[in-house]
Amino acid sequence: MSTMDPHNDRPCDRLRCRLALSILLDEQVIAALARATAVLREVNDPAVLDLEHAIRTHRIGILKQRAVLGAAGIDL
C-alpha cells in the first residue's frame, strides 16, 4: 500500500481513503460471516436463515454506498 505525501494531502483524499478502508473492512466481515454461515448450515442451525438475511442486507447496503459515492464523484 502506498503512503500519501503529507504535503499534498487534502481532506477529500483522506476521506476517500477512510471510506475505502471502511468498505473494505465491511466486505471482510461479510466474507467471514458467510464462511461461518456455511458451517452453521451444515449442522442445520435454525439461525442460519436470519444470518443469511443479515448478510444479504449488509451486502446490499455496501452496494448502495458505493453507488452513492460513485454518483458523488468519489471513486474508490
PDB file of N, CA and C in Angstrom:
ATOM      1  N   MET A   1       0.840  -1.168   0.000  1.00  0.00           N
ATOM      2  CA  MET A   1       0.000   0.000   0.000  1.00  0.00           C
ATOM      3  C   MET A   1       0.887   1.233   0.000  1.00  0.00           C
ATOM      4  N   SER A   2       0.561   2.180  -0.850  1.00  0.00           N
ATOM      5  CA  SER A   2       1.380   3.380  -0.943  1.00  0.00           C
ATOM      6  C   SER A   2       1.031   4.351   0.180  1.00  0.00           C
ATOM      7  N   THR A   3       2.010   5.132   0.555  1.00  0.00           N
ATOM      8  CA  THR A   3       1.776   6.134   1.579  1.00  0.00           C
ATOM      9  C   THR A   3       1.528   7.465   0.901  1.00  0.00           C
ATOM     10  N   MET A   4       0.739   8.280   1.550  1.00  0.00           N
ATOM     11  CA  MET A   4       0.408   9.579   0.986  1.00  0.00           C
ATOM     12  C   MET A   4       1.414  10.615   1.452  1.00  0.00           C
ATOM     13  N   ASP A   5       1.724  11.558   0.596  1.00  0.00           N
ATOM     14  CA  ASP A   5       2.622  12.649   0.929  1.00  0.00           C
ATOM     15  C   ASP A   5       1.863  13.649   1.807  1.00  0.00           C
ATOM     16  N   PRO A   6       2.320  13.912   3.035  1.00  0.00           N
ATOM     17  CA  PRO A   6       1.576  14.805   3.924  1.00  0.00           C
ATOM     18  C   PRO A   6       1.482  16.232   3.390  1.00  0.00           C
ATOM     19  N   HIS A   7       2.396  16.630   2.519  1.00  0.00           N
ATOM     20  CA  HIS A   7       2.351  17.990   1.977  1.00  0.00           C
ATOM     21  C   HIS A   7       1.282  18.140   0.910  1.00  0.00           C
ATOM     22  N   ASN A   8       0.933  17.053   0.239  1.00  0.00           N
ATOM     23  CA  ASN A   8      -0.087  17.093  -0.800  1.00  0.00           C
ATOM     24  C   ASN A   8      -1.408  16.491  -0.342  1.00  0.00           C
ATOM     25  N   ASP A   9      -1.523  16.204   0.926  1.00  0.00           N
ATOM     26  CA  ASP A   9      -2.702  15.551   1.478  1.00  0.00           C
ATOM     27  C   ASP A   9      -3.841  16.562   1.583  1.00  0.00           C
ATOM     28  N   ARG A  10      -4.960  16.225   0.948  1.00  0.00           N
ATOM     29  CA  ARG A  10      -6.138  17.081   1.033  1.00  0.00           C
ATOM     30  C   ARG A  10      -7.202  16.354   1.832  1.00  0.00           C
ATOM     31  N   PRO A  11      -8.112  17.101   2.452  1.00  0.00           N
ATOM     32  CA  PRO A  11      -9.167  16.449   3.237  1.00  0.00           C
ATOM     33  C   PRO A  11      -9.991  15.460   2.420  1.00  0.00           C
ATOM     34  N   CYS A  12     -10.258  15.764   1.145  1.00  0.00           N
ATOM     35  CA  CYS A  12     -11.061  14.834   0.338  1.00  0.00           C
ATOM     36  C   CYS A  12     -10.284  13.551   0.062  1.00  0.00           C
ATOM     37  N   ASP A  13      -8.961  13.631  -0.045  1.00  0.00           N
ATOM     38  CA  ASP A  13      -8.151  12.419  -0.230  1.00  0.00           C
ATOM     39  C   ASP A  13      -8.182  11.551   1.021  1.00  0.00           C
ATOM     40  N   ARG A  14      -8.095  12.190   2.169  1.00  0.00           N
ATOM     41  CA  ARG A  14      -8.167  11.439   3.431  1.00  0.00           C
ATOM     42  C   ARG A  14      -9.530  10.772   3.577  1.00  0.00           C
ATOM     43  N   LEU A  15     -10.578  11.524   3.235  1.00  0.00           N
ATOM     44  CA  LEU A  15     -11.931  10.978   3.320  1.00  0.00           C
ATOM     45  C   LEU A  15     -12.088   9.790   2.382  1.00  0.00           C
ATOM     46  N   ARG A  16     -11.576   9.904   1.167  1.00  0.00           N
ATOM     47  CA  ARG A  16     -11.659   8.818   0.198  1.00  0.00           C
ATOM     48  C   ARG A  16     -10.943   7.569   0.731  1.00  0.00           C
ATOM     49  N   CYS A  17      -9.778   7.756   1.291  1.00  0.00           N
ATOM     50  CA  CYS A  17      -9.022   6.612   1.838  1.00  0.00           C
ATOM     51  C   CYS A  17      -9.754   5.979   3.016  1.00  0.00           C
ATOM     52  N   ARG A  18     -10.332   6.789   3.866  1.00  0.00           N
ATOM     53  CA  ARG A  18     -11.055   6.254   5.024  1.00  0.00           C
ATOM     54  C   ARG A  18     -12.317   5.520   4.597  1.00  0.00           C
ATOM     55  N   LEU A  19     -13.020   6.071   3.612  1.00  0.00           N
ATOM     56  CA  LEU A  19     -14.209   5.387   3.105  1.00  0.00           C
ATOM     57  C   LEU A  19     -13.840   4.056   2.466  1.00  0.00           C
ATOM     58  N   ALA A  20     -12.770   4.062   1.688  1.00  0.00           N
ATOM     59  CA  ALA A  20     -12.325   2.823   1.045  1.00  0.00           C
ATOM     60  C   ALA A  20     -11.953   1.776   2.096  1.00  0.00           C
ATOM     61  N   LEU A  21     -11.269   2.193   3.142  1.00  0.00           N
ATOM     62  CA  LEU A  21     -10.897   1.269   4.207  1.00  0.00           C
ATOM     63  C   LEU A  21     -12.134   0.737   4.922  1.00  0.00           C
ATOM     64  N   SER A  22     -13.086   1.619   5.182  1.00  0.00           N
ATOM     65  CA  SER A  22     -14.310   1.206   5.860  1.00  0.00           C
ATOM     66  C   SER A  22     -15.078   0.178   5.033  1.00  0.00           C
ATOM     67  N   ILE A  23     -15.191   0.418   3.741  1.00  0.00           N
ATOM     68  CA  ILE A  23     -15.902  -0.521   2.873  1.00  0.00           C
ATOM     69  C   ILE A  23     -15.140  -1.837   2.790  1.00  0.00           C
ATOM     70  N   LEU A  24     -13.823  -1.762   2.707  1.00  0.00           N
ATOM     71  CA  LEU A  24     -13.009  -2.976   2.661  1.00  0.00           C
ATOM     72  C   LEU A  24     -13.196  -3.808   3.925  1.00  0.00           C
ATOM     73  N   LEU A  25     -13.211  -3.154   5.064  1.00  0.00           N
ATOM     74  CA  LEU A  25     -13.417  -3.879   6.327  1.00  0.00           C
ATOM     75  C   LEU A  25     -14.810  -4.492   6.381  1.00  0.00           C
ATOM     76  N   ASP A  26     -15.821  -3.749   5.906  1.00  0.00           N
ATOM     77  CA  ASP A  26     -17.178  -4.300   5.852  1.00  0.00           C
ATOM     78  C   ASP A  26     -17.214  -5.563   4.990  1.00  0.00           C
ATOM     79  N   GLU A  27     -16.552  -5.512   3.843  1.00  0.00           N
ATOM     80  CA  GLU A  27     -16.540  -6.667   2.952  1.00  0.00           C
ATOM     81  C   GLU A  27     -15.821  -7.860   3.585  1.00  0.00           C
ATOM     82  N   GLN A  28     -14.770  -7.588   4.352  1.00  0.00           N
ATOM     83  CA  GLN A  28     -14.062  -8.676   5.034  1.00  0.00           C
ATOM     84  C   GLN A  28     -14.940  -9.312   6.110  1.00  0.00           C
ATOM     85  N   VAL A  29     -15.678  -8.500   6.831  1.00  0.00           N
ATOM     86  CA  VAL A  29     -16.581  -9.020   7.866  1.00  0.00           C
ATOM     87  C   VAL A  29     -17.671  -9.862   7.221  1.00  0.00           C
ATOM     88  N   ILE A  30     -18.221  -9.396   6.116  1.00  0.00           N
ATOM     89  CA  ILE A  30     -19.257 -10.147   5.416  1.00  0.00           C
ATOM     90  C   ILE A  30     -18.707 -11.497   4.936  1.00  0.00           C
ATOM     91  N   ALA A  31     -17.487 -11.505   4.427  1.00  0.00           N
ATOM     92  CA  ALA A  31     -16.878 -12.761   3.978  1.00  0.00           C
ATOM     93  C   ALA A  31     -16.720 -13.740   5.142  1.00  0.00           C
ATOM     94  N   ALA A  32     -16.301 -13.236   6.297  1.00  0.00           N
ATOM     95  CA  ALA A  32     -16.147 -14.101   7.476  1.00  0.00           C
ATOM     96  C   ALA A  32     -17.501 -14.632   7.940  1.00  0.00           C
ATOM     97  N   LEU A  33     -18.522 -13.782   7.925  1.00  0.00           N
ATOM     98  CA  LEU A  33     -19.859 -14.233   8.316  1.00  0.00           C
ATOM     99  C   LEU A  33     -20.403 -15.266   7.334  1.00  0.00           C
ATOM    100  N   ALA A  34     -20.096 -15.102   6.060  1.00  0.00           N
ATOM    101  CA  ALA A  34     -20.555 -16.067   5.060  1.00  0.00           C
ATOM    102  C   ALA A  34     -19.909 -17.431   5.297  1.00  0.00           C
ATOM    103  N   ARG A  35     -18.628 -17.432   5.659  1.00  0.00           N
ATOM    104  CA  ARG A  35     -17.964 -18.706   5.970  1.00  0.00           C
ATOM    105  C   ARG A  35     -18.586 -19.353   7.215  1.00  0.00           C
ATOM    106  N   ALA A  36     -18.870 -18.540   8.220  1.00  0.00           N
ATOM    107  CA  ALA A  36     -19.490 -19.068   9.440  1.00  0.00           C
ATOM    108  C   ALA A  36     -20.891 -19.594   9.133  1.00  0.00           C
ATOM    109  N   THR A  37     -21.602 -18.925   8.259  1.00  0.00           N
ATOM    110  CA  THR A  37     -22.940 -19.373   7.880  1.00  0.00           C
ATOM    111  C   THR A  37     -22.888 -20.726   7.193  1.00  0.00           C
ATOM    112  N   ALA A  38     -21.878 -20.936   6.365  1.00  0.00           N
ATOM    113  CA  ALA A  38     -21.735 -22.229   5.687  1.00  0.00           C
ATOM    114  C   ALA A  38     -21.559 -23.357   6.704  1.00  0.00           C
ATOM    115  N   VAL A  39     -20.796 -23.104   7.740  1.00  0.00           N
ATOM    116  CA  VAL A  39     -20.590 -24.118   8.783  1.00  0.00           C
ATOM    117  C   VAL A  39     -21.897 -24.371   9.529  1.00  0.00           C
ATOM    118  N   LEU A  40     -22.609 -23.299   9.856  1.00  0.00           N
ATOM    119  CA  LEU A  40     -23.881 -23.456  10.569  1.00  0.00           C
ATOM    120  C   LEU A  40     -24.922 -24.172   9.709  1.00  0.00           C
ATOM    121  N   ARG A  41     -24.891 -23.929   8.411  1.00  0.00           N
ATOM    122  CA  ARG A  41     -25.828 -24.590   7.512  1.00  0.00           C
ATOM    123  C   ARG A  41     -25.600 -26.102   7.505  1.00  0.00           C
ATOM    124  N   GLU A  42     -24.331 -26.508   7.591  1.00  0.00           N
ATOM    125  CA  GLU A  42     -24.002 -27.946   7.596  1.00  0.00           C
ATOM    126  C   GLU A  42     -24.565 -28.670   8.814  1.00  0.00           C
ATOM    127  N   VAL A  43     -24.668 -27.960   9.925  1.00  0.00           N
ATOM    128  CA  VAL A  43     -25.191 -28.589  11.143  1.00  0.00           C
ATOM    129  C   VAL A  43     -26.670 -28.271  11.365  1.00  0.00           C
ATOM    130  N   ASN A  44     -27.311 -27.724  10.335  1.00  0.00           N
ATOM    131  CA  ASN A  44     -28.751 -27.428  10.365  1.00  0.00           C
ATOM    132  C   ASN A  44     -29.151 -26.510  11.520  1.00  0.00           C
ATOM    133  N   ASP A  45     -28.379 -25.479  11.741  1.00  0.00           N
ATOM    134  CA  ASP A  45     -28.690 -24.497  12.785  1.00  0.00           C
ATOM    135  C   ASP A  45     -29.904 -23.673  12.347  1.00  0.00           C
ATOM    136  N   PRO A  46     -30.891 -23.503  13.221  1.00  0.00           N
ATOM    137  CA  PRO A  46     -32.091 -22.760  12.831  1.00  0.00           C
ATOM    138  C   PRO A  46     -31.855 -21.247  12.626  1.00  0.00           C
ATOM    139  N   ALA A  47     -30.754 -20.733  13.108  1.00  0.00           N
ATOM    140  CA  ALA A  47     -30.483 -19.301  12.978  1.00  0.00           C
ATOM    141  C   ALA A  47     -29.844 -18.924  11.632  1.00  0.00           C
ATOM    142  N   VAL A  48     -29.607 -19.928  10.786  1.00  0.00           N
ATOM    143  CA  VAL A  48     -28.925 -19.677   9.512  1.00  0.00           C
ATOM    144  C   VAL A  48     -29.723 -18.721   8.640  1.00  0.00           C
ATOM    145  N   LEU A  49     -31.020 -18.881   8.586  1.00  0.00           N
ATOM    146  CA  LEU A  49     -31.834 -18.014   7.732  1.00  0.00           C
ATOM    147  C   LEU A  49     -31.725 -16.550   8.140  1.00  0.00           C
ATOM    148  N   ASP A  50     -31.750 -16.300   9.434  1.00  0.00           N
ATOM    149  CA  ASP A  50     -31.611 -14.914   9.914  1.00  0.00           C
ATOM    150  C   ASP A  50     -30.237 -14.352   9.584  1.00  0.00           C
ATOM    151  N   LEU A  51     -29.220 -15.168   9.755  1.00  0.00           N
ATOM    152  CA  LEU A  51     -27.862 -14.727   9.463  1.00  0.00           C
ATOM    153  C   LEU A  51     -27.689 -14.475   7.971  1.00  0.00           C
ATOM    154  N   GLU A  52     -28.238 -15.335   7.128  1.00  0.00           N
ATOM    155  CA  GLU A  52     -28.160 -15.122   5.679  1.00  0.00           C
ATOM    156  C   GLU A  52     -28.876 -13.845   5.274  1.00  0.00           C
ATOM    157  N   HIS A  53     -30.006 -13.584   5.900  1.00  0.00           N
ATOM    158  CA  HIS A  53     -30.737 -12.347   5.613  1.00  0.00           C
ATOM    159  C   HIS A  53     -29.911 -11.120   6.009  1.00  0.00           C
ATOM    160  N   ALA A  54     -29.274 -11.179   7.158  1.00  0.00           N
ATOM    161  CA  ALA A  54     -28.443 -10.056   7.608  1.00  0.00           C
ATOM    162  C   ALA A  54     -27.261  -9.834   6.667  1.00  0.00           C
ATOM    163  N   ILE A  55     -26.655 -10.915   6.201  1.00  0.00           N
ATOM    164  CA  ILE A  55     -25.530 -10.801   5.273  1.00  0.00           C
ATOM    165  C   ILE A  55     -25.995 -10.173   3.964  1.00  0.00           C
ATOM    166  N   ARG A  56     -27.109 -10.670   3.441  1.00  0.00           N
ATOM    167  CA  ARG A  56     -27.646 -10.139   2.188  1.00  0.00           C
ATOM    168  C   ARG A  56     -27.976  -8.653   2.322  1.00  0.00           C
ATOM    169  N   THR A  57     -28.587  -8.281   3.431  1.00  0.00           N
ATOM    170  CA  THR A  57     -28.935  -6.878   3.668  1.00  0.00           C
ATOM    171  C   THR A  57     -27.687  -6.003   3.729  1.00  0.00           C
ATOM    172  N   HIS A  58     -26.660  -6.485   4.394  1.00  0.00           N
ATOM    173  CA  HIS A  58     -25.423  -5.712   4.516  1.00  0.00           C
ATOM    174  C   HIS A  58     -24.723  -5.580   3.165  1.00  0.00           C
ATOM    175  N   ARG A  59     -24.741  -6.635   2.366  1.00  0.00           N
ATOM    176  CA  ARG A  59     -24.140  -6.568   1.030  1.00  0.00           C
ATOM    177  C   ARG A  59     -24.861  -5.535   0.165  1.00  0.00           C
ATOM    178  N   ILE A  60     -26.180  -5.501   0.259  1.00  0.00           N
ATOM    179  CA  ILE A  60     -26.950  -4.508  -0.490  1.00  0.00           C
ATOM    180  C   ILE A  60     -26.591  -3.107  -0.013  1.00  0.00           C
ATOM    181  N   GLY A  61     -26.406  -2.953   1.295  1.00  0.00           N
ATOM    182  CA  GLY A  61     -26.004  -1.653   1.839  1.00  0.00           C
ATOM    183  C   GLY A  61     -24.663  -1.197   1.303  1.00  0.00           C
ATOM    184  N   ILE A  62     -23.722  -2.117   1.179  1.00  0.00           N
ATOM    185  CA  ILE A  62     -22.402  -1.778   0.639  1.00  0.00           C
ATOM    186  C   ILE A  62     -22.529  -1.358  -0.827  1.00  0.00           C
ATOM    187  N   LEU A  63     -23.340  -2.091  -1.597  1.00  0.00           N
ATOM    188  CA  LEU A  63     -23.547  -1.732  -2.998  1.00  0.00           C
ATOM    189  C   LEU A  63     -24.167  -0.338  -3.127  1.00  0.00           C
ATOM    190  N   LYS A  64     -25.153  -0.044  -2.284  1.00  0.00           N
ATOM    191  CA  LYS A  64     -25.783   1.277  -2.307  1.00  0.00           C
ATOM    192  C   LYS A  64     -24.783   2.363  -1.937  1.00  0.00           C
ATOM    193  N   GLN A  65     -23.954   2.092  -0.943  1.00  0.00           N
ATOM    194  CA  GLN A  65     -22.953   3.065  -0.521  1.00  0.00           C
ATOM    195  C   GLN A  65     -21.976   3.356  -1.660  1.00  0.00           C
ATOM    196  N   ARG A  66     -21.531   2.318  -2.345  1.00  0.00           N
ATOM    197  CA  ARG A  66     -20.630   2.503  -3.490  1.00  0.00           C
ATOM    198  C   ARG A  66     -21.311   3.298  -4.600  1.00  0.00           C
ATOM    199  N   ALA A  67     -22.599   3.025  -4.837  1.00  0.00           N
ATOM    200  CA  ALA A  67     -23.345   3.741  -5.885  1.00  0.00           C
ATOM    201  C   ALA A  67     -23.480   5.224  -5.554  1.00  0.00           C
ATOM    202  N   VAL A  68     -23.811   5.521  -4.309  1.00  0.00           N
ATOM    203  CA  VAL A  68     -23.964   6.917  -3.894  1.00  0.00           C
ATOM    204  C   VAL A  68     -22.624   7.649  -3.988  1.00  0.00           C
ATOM    205  N   LEU A  69     -21.569   7.015  -3.532  1.00  0.00           N
ATOM    206  CA  LEU A  69     -20.244   7.648  -3.609  1.00  0.00           C
ATOM    207  C   LEU A  69     -19.820   7.833  -5.057  1.00  0.00           C
ATOM    208  N   GLY A  70     -20.105   6.859  -5.908  1.00  0.00           N
ATOM    209  CA  GLY A  70     -19.784   6.988  -7.323  1.00  0.00           C
ATOM    210  C   GLY A  70     -20.555   8.124  -7.972  1.00  0.00           C
ATOM    211  N   ALA A  71     -21.832   8.263  -7.627  1.00  0.00           N
ATOM    212  CA  ALA A  71     -22.634   9.348  -8.177  1.00  0.00           C
ATOM    213  C   ALA A  71     -22.135  10.702  -7.703  1.00  0.00           C
ATOM    214  N   ALA A  72     -21.528  10.732  -6.530  1.00  0.00           N
ATOM    215  CA  ALA A  72     -20.977  11.988  -5.995  1.00  0.00           C
ATOM    216  C   ALA A  72     -19.593  12.277  -6.556  1.00  0.00           C
ATOM    217  N   GLY A  73     -19.094  11.367  -7.386  1.00  0.00           N
ATOM    218  CA  GLY A  73     -17.774  11.575  -7.981  1.00  0.00           C
ATOM    219  C   GLY A  73     -16.624  11.093  -7.138  1.00  0.00           C
ATOM    220  N   ILE A  74     -16.930  10.325  -6.120  1.00  0.00           N
ATOM    221  CA  ILE A  74     -15.876   9.779  -5.253  1.00  0.00           C
ATOM    222  C   ILE A  74     -15.570   8.370  -5.739  1.00  0.00           C
ATOM    223  N   ASP A  75     -14.438   8.230  -6.397  1.00  0.00           N
ATOM    224  CA  ASP A  75     -14.048   6.933  -6.952  1.00  0.00           C
ATOM    225  C   ASP A  75     -13.187   6.188  -5.948  1.00  0.00           C
ATOM    226  N   LEU A  76     -13.682   5.019  -5.536  1.00  0.00           N
ATOM    227  CA  LEU A  76     -12.934   4.210  -4.582  1.00  0.00           C
ATOM    228  C   LEU A  76     -12.163   3.224  -5.355  1.00  0.00           C
TER     229      LEU A  76
END
